Amino acid sequence: AGTKRLRHPIVGDLSLDYLVLAVEGDPDQTLTIYTPEPA
């Protein structure tokens, strides 16, 4: 979990919180969810 900062070529800087979830039954796979702070 944490915050990722990205620079998009059109909209500029983005700050997204992320959460990495393990896929049950397959330790080699994960699901990463990125969300911005509302508003």
PDB file of all heavy atoms in Angstrom:
ATOM      1  N   ALA A   1       0.855  -1.181   0.000  1.00  0.00           N
ATOM      2  CA  ALA A   1       0.000   0.000   0.000  1.00  0.00           C
ATOM      3  C   ALA A   1       0.891   1.231   0.000  1.00  0.00           C
ATOM      4  O   ALA A   1       2.026   1.197   0.463  1.00  0.00           O
ATOM      5  CB  ALA A   1      -0.915   0.003   1.220  1.00  0.00           C
ATOM      6  N   GLY A   2       0.366   2.306  -0.546  1.00  0.00           N
ATOM      7  CA  GLY A   2       1.128   3.542  -0.567  1.00  0.00           C
ATOM      8  C   GLY A   2       0.550   4.514  -1.573  1.00  0.00           C
ATOM      9  O   GLY A   2      -0.602   4.407  -1.979  1.00  0.00           O
ATOM     10  N   THR A   3       1.383   5.466  -1.982  1.00  0.00           N
ATOM     11  CA  THR A   3       0.986   6.472  -2.960  1.00  0.00           C
ATOM     12  C   THR A   3       1.971   6.446  -4.106  1.00  0.00           C
ATOM     13  O   THR A   3       3.181   6.394  -3.895  1.00  0.00           O
ATOM     14  CB  THR A   3       0.960   7.873  -2.312  1.00  0.00           C
ATOM     15  OG1 THR A   3       0.044   7.867  -1.232  1.00  0.00           O
ATOM     16  CG2 THR A   3       0.537   8.933  -3.314  1.00  0.00           C
ATOM     17  N   LYS A   4       1.445   6.465  -5.310  1.00  0.00           N
ATOM     18  CA  LYS A   4       2.269   6.468  -6.522  1.00  0.00           C
ATOM     19  C   LYS A   4       2.054   7.803  -7.220  1.00  0.00           C
ATOM     20  O   LYS A   4       0.925   8.248  -7.386  1.00  0.00           O
ATOM     21  CB  LYS A   4       1.831   5.316  -7.422  1.00  0.00           C
ATOM     22  CG  LYS A   4       2.686   5.082  -8.610  1.00  0.00           C
ATOM     23  CD  LYS A   4       3.939   4.395  -8.204  1.00  0.00           C
ATOM     24  CE  LYS A   4       4.315   3.338  -9.209  1.00  0.00           C
ATOM     25  NZ  LYS A   4       5.557   2.718  -8.887  1.00  0.00           N
ATOM     26  N   ARG A   5       3.148   8.428  -7.608  1.00  0.00           N
ATOM     27  CA  ARG A   5       3.068   9.675  -8.363  1.00  0.00           C
ATOM     28  C   ARG A   5       3.481   9.410  -9.799  1.00  0.00           C
ATOM     29  O   ARG A   5       4.533   8.830 -10.042  1.00  0.00           O
ATOM     30  CB  ARG A   5       3.954  10.728  -7.719  1.00  0.00           C
ATOM     31  CG  ARG A   5       3.349  11.225  -6.421  1.00  0.00           C
ATOM     32  CD  ARG A   5       4.272  12.130  -5.643  1.00  0.00           C
ATOM     33  NE  ARG A   5       3.671  12.639  -4.429  1.00  0.00           N
ATOM     34  CZ  ARG A   5       3.383  11.940  -3.350  1.00  0.00           C
ATOM     35  NH1 ARG A   5       3.594  10.653  -3.332  1.00  0.00           N
ATOM     36  NH2 ARG A   5       2.850  12.481  -2.278  1.00  0.00           N
ATOM     37  N   LEU A   6       2.623   9.825 -10.722  1.00  0.00           N
ATOM     38  CA  LEU A   6       2.843   9.600 -12.143  1.00  0.00           C
ATOM     39  C   LEU A   6       2.719  10.922 -12.891  1.00  0.00           C
ATOM     40  O   LEU A   6       2.048  11.846 -12.430  1.00  0.00           O
ATOM     41  CB  LEU A   6       1.798   8.629 -12.698  1.00  0.00           C
ATOM     42  CG  LEU A   6       1.607   7.308 -11.963  1.00  0.00           C
ATOM     43  CD1 LEU A   6       0.330   6.638 -12.404  1.00  0.00           C
ATOM     44  CD2 LEU A   6       2.790   6.417 -12.221  1.00  0.00           C
ATOM     45  N   ARG A   7       3.339  10.984 -14.050  1.00  0.00           N
ATOM     46  CA  ARG A   7       3.164  12.148 -14.920  1.00  0.00           C
ATOM     47  C   ARG A   7       2.569  11.666 -16.233  1.00  0.00           C
ATOM     48  O   ARG A   7       3.202  10.917 -16.970  1.00  0.00           O
ATOM     49  CB  ARG A   7       4.487  12.841 -15.176  1.00  0.00           C
ATOM     50  CG  ARG A   7       4.315  14.062 -16.090  1.00  0.00           C
ATOM     51  CD  ARG A   7       5.505  14.909 -16.088  1.00  0.00           C
ATOM     52  NE  ARG A   7       5.707  15.337 -14.711  1.00  0.00           N
ATOM     53  CZ  ARG A   7       6.254  16.473 -14.350  1.00  0.00           C
ATOM     54  NH1 ARG A   7       6.674  17.288 -15.256  1.00  0.00           N
ATOM     55  NH2 ARG A   7       6.403  16.785 -13.086  1.00  0.00           N
ATOM     56  N   HIS A   8       1.351  12.099 -16.509  1.00  0.00           N
ATOM     57  CA  HIS A   8       0.665  11.743 -17.751  1.00  0.00           C
ATOM     58  C   HIS A   8       0.981  12.821 -18.786  1.00  0.00           C
ATOM     59  O   HIS A   8       0.992  14.012 -18.451  1.00  0.00           O
ATOM     60  CB  HIS A   8      -0.845  11.649 -17.503  1.00  0.00           C
ATOM     61  CG  HIS A   8      -1.594  11.095 -18.656  1.00  0.00           C
ATOM     62  ND1 HIS A   8      -1.988  11.878 -19.715  1.00  0.00           N
ATOM     63  CD2 HIS A   8      -2.011   9.834 -18.938  1.00  0.00           C
ATOM     64  CE1 HIS A   8      -2.630  11.133 -20.590  1.00  0.00           C
ATOM     65  NE2 HIS A   8      -2.650   9.890 -20.144  1.00  0.00           N
ATOM     66  N   PRO A   9       1.217  12.436 -20.048  1.00  0.00           N
ATOM     67  CA  PRO A   9       1.612  13.435 -21.038  1.00  0.00           C
ATOM     68  C   PRO A   9       0.541  14.485 -21.350  1.00  0.00           C
ATOM     69  O   PRO A   9       0.864  15.560 -21.841  1.00  0.00           O
ATOM     70  CB  PRO A   9       1.934  12.602 -22.284  1.00  0.00           C
ATOM     71  CG  PRO A   9       1.267  11.300 -22.080  1.00  0.00           C
ATOM     72  CD  PRO A   9       1.192  11.086 -20.600  1.00  0.00           C
ATOM     73  N   ILE A  10      -0.714  14.207 -21.043  1.00  0.00           N
ATOM     74  CA  ILE A  10      -1.775  15.168 -21.359  1.00  0.00           C
ATOM     75  C   ILE A  10      -2.284  15.892 -20.114  1.00  0.00           C
ATOM     76  O   ILE A  10      -2.386  17.110 -20.106  1.00  0.00           O
ATOM     77  CB  ILE A  10      -2.942  14.471 -22.093  1.00  0.00           C
ATOM     78  CG1 ILE A  10      -2.437  13.942 -23.434  1.00  0.00           C
ATOM     79  CG2 ILE A  10      -4.127  15.417 -22.275  1.00  0.00           C
ATOM     80  CD1 ILE A  10      -3.419  13.095 -24.169  1.00  0.00           C
ATOM     81  N   VAL A  11      -2.594  15.156 -19.052  1.00  0.00           N
ATOM     82  CA  VAL A  11      -3.197  15.786 -17.869  1.00  0.00           C
ATOM     83  C   VAL A  11      -2.186  16.139 -16.786  1.00  0.00           C
ATOM     84  O   VAL A  11      -2.547  16.741 -15.786  1.00  0.00           O
ATOM     85  CB  VAL A  11      -4.327  14.906 -17.278  1.00  0.00           C
ATOM     86  CG1 VAL A  11      -5.458  14.763 -18.269  1.00  0.00           C
ATOM     87  CG2 VAL A  11      -3.802  13.564 -16.817  1.00  0.00           C
ATOM     88  N   GLY A  12      -0.937  15.764 -16.974  1.00  0.00           N
ATOM     89  CA  GLY A  12       0.092  16.162 -16.017  1.00  0.00           C
ATOM     90  C   GLY A  12       0.235  15.210 -14.843  1.00  0.00           C
ATOM     91  O   GLY A  12       0.030  14.007 -14.959  1.00  0.00           O
ATOM     92  N   ASP A  13       0.577  15.789 -13.702  1.00  0.00           N
ATOM     93  CA  ASP A  13       0.891  14.995 -12.512  1.00  0.00           C
ATOM     94  C   ASP A  13      -0.358  14.364 -11.909  1.00  0.00           C
ATOM     95  O   ASP A  13      -1.405  15.003 -11.807  1.00  0.00           O
ATOM     96  CB  ASP A  13       1.576  15.858 -11.457  1.00  0.00           C
ATOM     97  CG  ASP A  13       2.950  16.323 -11.895  1.00  0.00           C
ATOM     98  OD1 ASP A  13       3.563  15.639 -12.744  1.00  0.00           O
ATOM     99  OD2 ASP A  13       3.416  17.357 -11.387  1.00  0.00           O
ATOM    100  N   LEU A  14      -0.216  13.095 -11.526  1.00  0.00           N
ATOM    101  CA  LEU A  14      -1.281  12.351 -10.851  1.00  0.00           C
ATOM    102  C   LEU A  14      -0.713  11.779  -9.563  1.00  0.00           C
ATOM    103  O   LEU A  14       0.424  11.302  -9.532  1.00  0.00           O
ATOM    104  CB  LEU A  14      -1.784  11.192 -11.717  1.00  0.00           C
ATOM    105  CG  LEU A  14      -2.417  11.548 -13.046  1.00  0.00           C
ATOM    106  CD1 LEU A  14      -2.603  10.293 -13.889  1.00  0.00           C
ATOM    107  CD2 LEU A  14      -3.737  12.255 -12.840  1.00  0.00           C
ATOM    108  N   SER A  15      -1.499  11.813  -8.518  1.00  0.00           N
ATOM    109  CA  SER A  15      -1.138  11.176  -7.259  1.00  0.00           C
ATOM    110  C   SER A  15      -2.232  10.158  -6.947  1.00  0.00           C
ATOM    111  O   SER A  15      -3.398  10.519  -6.755  1.00  0.00           O
ATOM    112  CB  SER A  15      -1.046  12.222  -6.139  1.00  0.00           C
ATOM    113  OG  SER A  15      -0.689  11.613  -4.930  1.00  0.00           O
ATOM    114  N   LEU A  16      -1.847   8.882  -6.939  1.00  0.00           N
ATOM    115  CA  LEU A  16      -2.818   7.800  -6.759  1.00  0.00           C
ATOM    116  C   LEU A  16      -2.426   6.922  -5.587  1.00  0.00           C
ATOM    117  O   LEU A  16      -1.266   6.520  -5.467  1.00  0.00           O
ATOM    118  CB  LEU A  16      -2.896   6.949  -8.024  1.00  0.00           C
ATOM    119  CG  LEU A  16      -3.219   7.694  -9.324  1.00  0.00           C
ATOM    120  CD1 LEU A  16      -3.063   6.759 -10.503  1.00  0.00           C
ATOM    121  CD2 LEU A  16      -4.613   8.278  -9.272  1.00  0.00           C
ATOM    122  N   ASP A  17      -3.387   6.641  -4.727  1.00  0.00           N
ATOM    123  CA  ASP A  17      -3.156   5.664  -3.667  1.00  0.00           C
ATOM    124  C   ASP A  17      -3.258   4.287  -4.288  1.00  0.00           C
ATOM    125  O   ASP A  17      -4.051   4.066  -5.209  1.00  0.00           O
ATOM    126  CB  ASP A  17      -4.201   5.813  -2.555  1.00  0.00           C
ATOM    127  CG  ASP A  17      -4.086   7.139  -1.829  1.00  0.00           C
ATOM    128  OD1 ASP A  17      -2.965   7.686  -1.760  1.00  0.00           O
ATOM    129  OD2 ASP A  17      -5.111   7.630  -1.329  1.00  0.00           O
ATOM    130  N   TYR A  18      -2.443   3.350  -3.801  1.00  0.00           N
ATOM    131  CA  TYR A  18      -2.524   1.999  -4.346  1.00  0.00           C
ATOM    132  C   TYR A  18      -2.598   0.976  -3.224  1.00  0.00           C
ATOM    133  O   TYR A  18      -2.169   1.217  -2.097  1.00  0.00           O
ATOM    134  CB  TYR A  18      -1.353   1.686  -5.282  1.00  0.00           C
ATOM    135  CG  TYR A  18      -0.011   1.550  -4.609  1.00  0.00           C
ATOM    136  CD1 TYR A  18       0.428   0.312  -4.134  1.00  0.00           C
ATOM    137  CD2 TYR A  18       0.830   2.635  -4.468  1.00  0.00           C
ATOM    138  CE1 TYR A  18       1.659   0.184  -3.524  1.00  0.00           C
ATOM    139  CE2 TYR A  18       2.062   2.515  -3.863  1.00  0.00           C
ATOM    140  CZ  TYR A  18       2.480   1.283  -3.387  1.00  0.00           C
ATOM    141  OH  TYR A  18       3.696   1.164  -2.774  1.00  0.00           O
ATOM    142  N   LEU A  19      -3.172  -0.155  -3.569  1.00  0.00           N
ATOM    143  CA  LEU A  19      -3.304  -1.296  -2.674  1.00  0.00           C
ATOM    144  C   LEU A  19      -3.031  -2.542  -3.495  1.00  0.00           C
ATOM    145  O   LEU A  19      -3.626  -2.728  -4.560  1.00  0.00           O
ATOM    146  CB  LEU A  19      -4.717  -1.348  -2.081  1.00  0.00           C
ATOM    147  CG  LEU A  19      -5.037  -2.483  -1.129  1.00  0.00           C
ATOM    148  CD1 LEU A  19      -4.165  -2.401   0.124  1.00  0.00           C
ATOM    149  CD2 LEU A  19      -6.498  -2.443  -0.749  1.00  0.00           C
ATOM    150  N   VAL A  20      -2.111  -3.377  -3.033  1.00  0.00           N
ATOM    151  CA  VAL A  20      -1.773  -4.609  -3.733  1.00  0.00           C
ATOM    152  C   VAL A  20      -2.415  -5.776  -2.982  1.00  0.00           C
ATOM    153  O   VAL A  20      -2.212  -5.933  -1.782  1.00  0.00           O
ATOM    154  CB  VAL A  20      -0.240  -4.805  -3.813  1.00  0.00           C
ATOM    155  CG1 VAL A  20       0.094  -6.106  -4.530  1.00  0.00           C
ATOM    156  CG2 VAL A  20       0.414  -3.618  -4.506  1.00  0.00           C
ATOM    157  N   LEU A  21      -3.199  -6.562  -3.701  1.00  0.00           N
ATOM    158  CA  LEU A  21      -3.889  -7.706  -3.115  1.00  0.00           C
ATOM    159  C   LEU A  21      -3.319  -8.989  -3.698  1.00  0.00           C
ATOM    160  O   LEU A  21      -3.093  -9.083  -4.902  1.00  0.00           O
ATOM    161  CB  LEU A  21      -5.387  -7.638  -3.410  1.00  0.00           C
ATOM    162  CG  LEU A  21      -6.095  -6.358  -2.957  1.00  0.00           C
ATOM    163  CD1 LEU A  21      -7.512  -6.326  -3.501  1.00  0.00           C
ATOM    164  CD2 LEU A  21      -6.086  -6.248  -1.452  1.00  0.00           C
ATOM    165  N   ALA A  22      -3.098  -9.965  -2.839  1.00  0.00           N
ATOM    166  CA  ALA A  22      -2.624 -11.268  -3.294  1.00  0.00           C
ATOM    167  C   ALA A  22      -3.789 -12.045  -3.886  1.00  0.00           C
ATOM    168  O   ALA A  22      -4.922 -11.953  -3.413  1.00  0.00           O
ATOM    169  CB  ALA A  22      -2.034 -12.048  -2.115  1.00  0.00           C
ATOM    170  N   VAL A  23      -3.501 -12.791  -4.932  1.00  0.00           N
ATOM    171  CA  VAL A  23      -4.510 -13.651  -5.541  1.00  0.00           C
ATOM    172  C   VAL A  23      -4.432 -14.990  -4.824  1.00  0.00           C
ATOM    173  O   VAL A  23      -3.408 -15.676  -4.887  1.00  0.00           O
ATOM    174  CB  VAL A  23      -4.268 -13.813  -7.055  1.00  0.00           C
ATOM    175  CG1 VAL A  23      -5.255 -14.802  -7.653  1.00  0.00           C
ATOM    176  CG2 VAL A  23      -4.363 -12.458  -7.744  1.00  0.00           C
ATOM    177  N   GLU A  24      -5.506 -15.345  -4.153  1.00  0.00           N
ATOM    178  CA  GLU A  24      -5.516 -16.585  -3.387  1.00  0.00           C
ATOM    179  C   GLU A  24      -5.334 -17.780  -4.318  1.00  0.00           C
ATOM    180  O   GLU A  24      -5.961 -17.870  -5.364  1.00  0.00           O
ATOM    181  CB  GLU A  24      -6.837 -16.716  -2.627  1.00  0.00           C
ATOM    182  CG  GLU A  24      -6.822 -17.829  -1.614  1.00  0.00           C
ATOM    183  CD  GLU A  24      -8.075 -17.823  -0.746  1.00  0.00           C
ATOM    184  OE1 GLU A  24      -8.535 -16.733  -0.383  1.00  0.00           O
ATOM    185  OE2 GLU A  24      -8.558 -18.917  -0.454  1.00  0.00           O
ATOM    186  N   GLY A  25      -4.431 -18.653  -3.968  1.00  0.00           N
ATOM    187  CA  GLY A  25      -4.197 -19.853  -4.757  1.00  0.00           C
ATOM    188  C   GLY A  25      -3.103 -19.694  -5.798  1.00  0.00           C
ATOM    189  O   GLY A  25      -2.708 -20.672  -6.418  1.00  0.00           O
ATOM    190  N   ASP A  26      -2.631 -18.460  -6.022  1.00  0.00           N
ATOM    191  CA  ASP A  26      -1.544 -18.252  -6.983  1.00  0.00           C
ATOM    192  C   ASP A  26      -0.632 -17.146  -6.464  1.00  0.00           C
ATOM    193  O   ASP A  26      -0.871 -15.965  -6.711  1.00  0.00           O
ATOM    194  CB  ASP A  26      -2.092 -17.883  -8.356  1.00  0.00           C
ATOM    195  CG  ASP A  26      -1.010 -17.916  -9.431  1.00  0.00           C
ATOM    196  OD1 ASP A  26       0.188 -17.928  -9.079  1.00  0.00           O
ATOM    197  OD2 ASP A  26      -1.361 -17.921 -10.614  1.00  0.00           O
ATOM    198  N   PRO A  27       0.413 -17.508  -5.737  1.00  0.00           N
ATOM    199  CA  PRO A  27       1.277 -16.501  -5.126  1.00  0.00           C
ATOM    200  C   PRO A  27       2.064 -15.662  -6.136  1.00  0.00           C
ATOM    201  O   PRO A  27       2.608 -14.623  -5.783  1.00  0.00           O
ATOM    202  CB  PRO A  27       2.224 -17.333  -4.255  1.00  0.00           C
ATOM    203  CG  PRO A  27       2.212 -18.691  -4.861  1.00  0.00           C
ATOM    204  CD  PRO A  27       0.850 -18.867  -5.461  1.00  0.00           C
ATOM    205  N   ASP A  28       2.095 -16.073  -7.399  1.00  0.00           N
ATOM    206  CA  ASP A  28       2.819 -15.309  -8.416  1.00  0.00           C
ATOM    207  C   ASP A  28       1.986 -14.178  -9.011  1.00  0.00           C
ATOM    208  O   ASP A  28       2.501 -13.394  -9.806  1.00  0.00           O
ATOM    209  CB  ASP A  28       3.289 -16.228  -9.538  1.00  0.00           C
ATOM    210  CG  ASP A  28       4.345 -17.215  -9.068  1.00  0.00           C
ATOM    211  OD1 ASP A  28       5.084 -16.872  -8.122  1.00  0.00           O
ATOM    212  OD2 ASP A  28       4.417 -18.316  -9.640  1.00  0.00           O
ATOM    213  N   GLN A  29       0.706 -14.103  -8.662  1.00  0.00           N
ATOM    214  CA  GLN A  29      -0.152 -13.064  -9.213  1.00  0.00           C
ATOM    215  C   GLN A  29      -0.641 -12.137  -8.118  1.00  0.00           C
ATOM    216  O   GLN A  29      -0.894 -12.562  -6.990  1.00  0.00           O
ATOM    217  CB  GLN A  29      -1.357 -13.671  -9.921  1.00  0.00           C
ATOM    218  CG  GLN A  29      -0.983 -14.421 -11.176  1.00  0.00           C
ATOM    219  CD  GLN A  29      -2.220 -14.780 -11.980  1.00  0.00           C
ATOM    220  OE1 GLN A  29      -3.218 -14.080 -11.952  1.00  0.00           O
ATOM    221  NE2 GLN A  29      -2.133 -15.874 -12.706  1.00  0.00           N
ATOM    222  N   THR A  30      -0.779 -10.859  -8.470  1.00  0.00           N
ATOM    223  CA  THR A  30      -1.344  -9.871  -7.557  1.00  0.00           C
ATOM    224  C   THR A  30      -2.295  -8.977  -8.342  1.00  0.00           C
ATOM    225  O   THR A  30      -2.232  -8.894  -9.569  1.00  0.00           O
ATOM    226  CB  THR A  30      -0.263  -8.985  -6.914  1.00  0.00           C
ATOM    227  OG1 THR A  30       0.467  -8.312  -7.945  1.00  0.00           O
ATOM    228  CG2 THR A  30       0.691  -9.796  -6.045  1.00  0.00           C
ATOM    229  N   LEU A  31      -3.166  -8.317  -7.617  1.00  0.00           N
ATOM    230  CA  LEU A  31      -4.075  -7.340  -8.188  1.00  0.00           C
ATOM    231  C   LEU A  31      -3.743  -6.005  -7.541  1.00  0.00           C
ATOM    232  O   LEU A  31      -3.755  -5.886  -6.314  1.00  0.00           O
ATOM    233  CB  LEU A  31      -5.532  -7.721  -7.905  1.00  0.00           C
ATOM    234  CG  LEU A  31      -6.586  -6.700  -8.308  1.00  0.00           C
ATOM    235  CD1 LEU A  31      -6.618  -6.530  -9.818  1.00  0.00           C
ATOM    236  CD2 LEU A  31      -7.937  -7.120  -7.779  1.00  0.00           C
ATOM    237  N   THR A  32      -3.419  -5.006  -8.342  1.00  0.00           N
ATOM    238  CA  THR A  32      -3.093  -3.688  -7.817  1.00  0.00           C
ATOM    239  C   THR A  32      -4.217  -2.728  -8.183  1.00  0.00           C
ATOM    240  O   THR A  32      -4.624  -2.640  -9.341  1.00  0.00           O
ATOM    241  CB  THR A  32      -1.758  -3.174  -8.393  1.00  0.00           C
ATOM    242  OG1 THR A  32      -0.743  -4.153  -8.137  1.00  0.00           O
ATOM    243  CG2 THR A  32      -1.361  -1.862  -7.749  1.00  0.00           C
ATOM    244  N   ILE A  33      -4.712  -2.023  -7.171  1.00  0.00           N
ATOM    245  CA  ILE A  33      -5.805  -1.075  -7.349  1.00  0.00           C
ATOM    246  C   ILE A  33      -5.268   0.327  -7.093  1.00  0.00           C
ATOM    247  O   ILE A  33      -4.662   0.583  -6.058  1.00  0.00           O
ATOM    248  CB  ILE A  33      -6.958  -1.390  -6.373  1.00  0.00           C
ATOM    249  CG1 ILE A  33      -7.453  -2.825  -6.598  1.00  0.00           C
ATOM    250  CG2 ILE A  33      -8.090  -0.372  -6.513  1.00  0.00           C
ATOM    251  CD1 ILE A  33      -8.368  -3.332  -5.524  1.00  0.00           C
ATOM    252  N   TYR A  34      -5.488   1.222  -8.055  1.00  0.00           N
ATOM    253  CA  TYR A  34      -5.070   2.618  -7.935  1.00  0.00           C
ATOM    254  C   TYR A  34      -6.314   3.492  -7.826  1.00  0.00           C
ATOM    255  O   TYR A  34      -7.231   3.351  -8.642  1.00  0.00           O
ATOM    256  CB  TYR A  34      -4.268   3.051  -9.165  1.00  0.00           C
ATOM    257  CG  TYR A  34      -2.928   2.372  -9.285  1.00  0.00           C
ATOM    258  CD1 TYR A  34      -2.786   1.212 -10.019  1.00  0.00           C
ATOM    259  CD2 TYR A  34      -1.811   2.900  -8.663  1.00  0.00           C
ATOM    260  CE1 TYR A  34      -1.555   0.581 -10.141  1.00  0.00           C
ATOM    261  CE2 TYR A  34      -0.571   2.280  -8.778  1.00  0.00           C
ATOM    262  CZ  TYR A  34      -0.456   1.127  -9.520  1.00  0.00           C
ATOM    263  OH  TYR A  34       0.760   0.508  -9.629  1.00  0.00           O
ATOM    264  N   THR A  35      -6.351   4.402  -6.853  1.00  0.00           N
ATOM    265  CA  THR A  35      -7.477   5.303  -6.696  1.00  0.00           C
ATOM    266  C   THR A  35      -6.972   6.701  -6.343  1.00  0.00           C
ATOM    267  O   THR A  35      -6.030   6.843  -5.567  1.00  0.00           O
ATOM    268  CB  THR A  35      -8.439   4.828  -5.584  1.00  0.00           C
ATOM    269  OG1 THR A  35      -7.699   4.664  -4.372  1.00  0.00           O
ATOM    270  CG2 THR A  35      -9.106   3.525  -5.940  1.00  0.00           C
ATOM    271  N   PRO A  36      -7.619   7.716  -6.893  1.00  0.00           N
ATOM    272  CA  PRO A  36      -7.257   9.083  -6.515  1.00  0.00           C
ATOM    273  C   PRO A  36      -8.029   9.508  -5.267  1.00  0.00           C
ATOM    274  O   PRO A  36      -9.068   8.921  -4.930  1.00  0.00           O
ATOM    275  CB  PRO A  36      -7.701   9.906  -7.721  1.00  0.00           C
ATOM    276  CG  PRO A  36      -8.900   9.167  -8.214  1.00  0.00           C
ATOM    277  CD  PRO A  36      -8.595   7.705  -7.972  1.00  0.00           C
ATOM    278  N   GLU A  37      -7.535  10.513  -4.591  1.00  0.00           N
ATOM    279  CA  GLU A  37      -8.276  11.109  -3.471  1.00  0.00           C
ATOM    280  C   GLU A  37      -9.528  11.758  -4.066  1.00  0.00           C
ATOM    281  O   GLU A  37      -9.440  12.460  -5.085  1.00  0.00           O
ATOM    282  CB  GLU A  37      -7.396  12.159  -2.788  1.00  0.00           C
ATOM    283  CG  GLU A  37      -7.976  12.735  -1.533  1.00  0.00           C
ATOM    284  CD  GLU A  37      -8.003  11.746  -0.383  1.00  0.00           C
ATOM    285  OE1 GLU A  37      -7.119  10.885  -0.306  1.00  0.00           O
ATOM    286  OE2 GLU A  37      -8.936  11.845   0.438  1.00  0.00           O
ATOM    287  N   PRO A  38     -10.708  11.520  -3.489  1.00  0.00           N
ATOM    288  CA  PRO A  38     -11.932  12.113  -4.044  1.00  0.00           C
ATOM    289  C   PRO A  38     -11.825  13.645  -4.133  1.00  0.00           C
ATOM    290  O   PRO A  38     -11.269  14.292  -3.254  1.00  0.00           O
ATOM    291  CB  PRO A  38     -13.022  11.706  -3.045  1.00  0.00           C
ATOM    292  CG  PRO A  38     -12.475  10.474  -2.389  1.00  0.00           C
ATOM    293  CD  PRO A  38     -10.988  10.674  -2.333  1.00  0.00           C
ATOM    294  N   ALA A  39     -12.339  14.195  -5.218  1.00  0.00           N
ATOM    295  CA  ALA A  39     -12.388  15.642  -5.464  1.00  0.00           C
ATOM    296  C   ALA A  39     -11.004  16.293  -5.543  1.00  0.00           C
ATOM    297  O   ALA A  39     -10.878  17.493  -5.364  1.00  0.00           O
ATOM    298  CB  ALA A  39     -13.254  16.345  -4.420  1.00  0.00           C
TER     299      ALA A  39
END
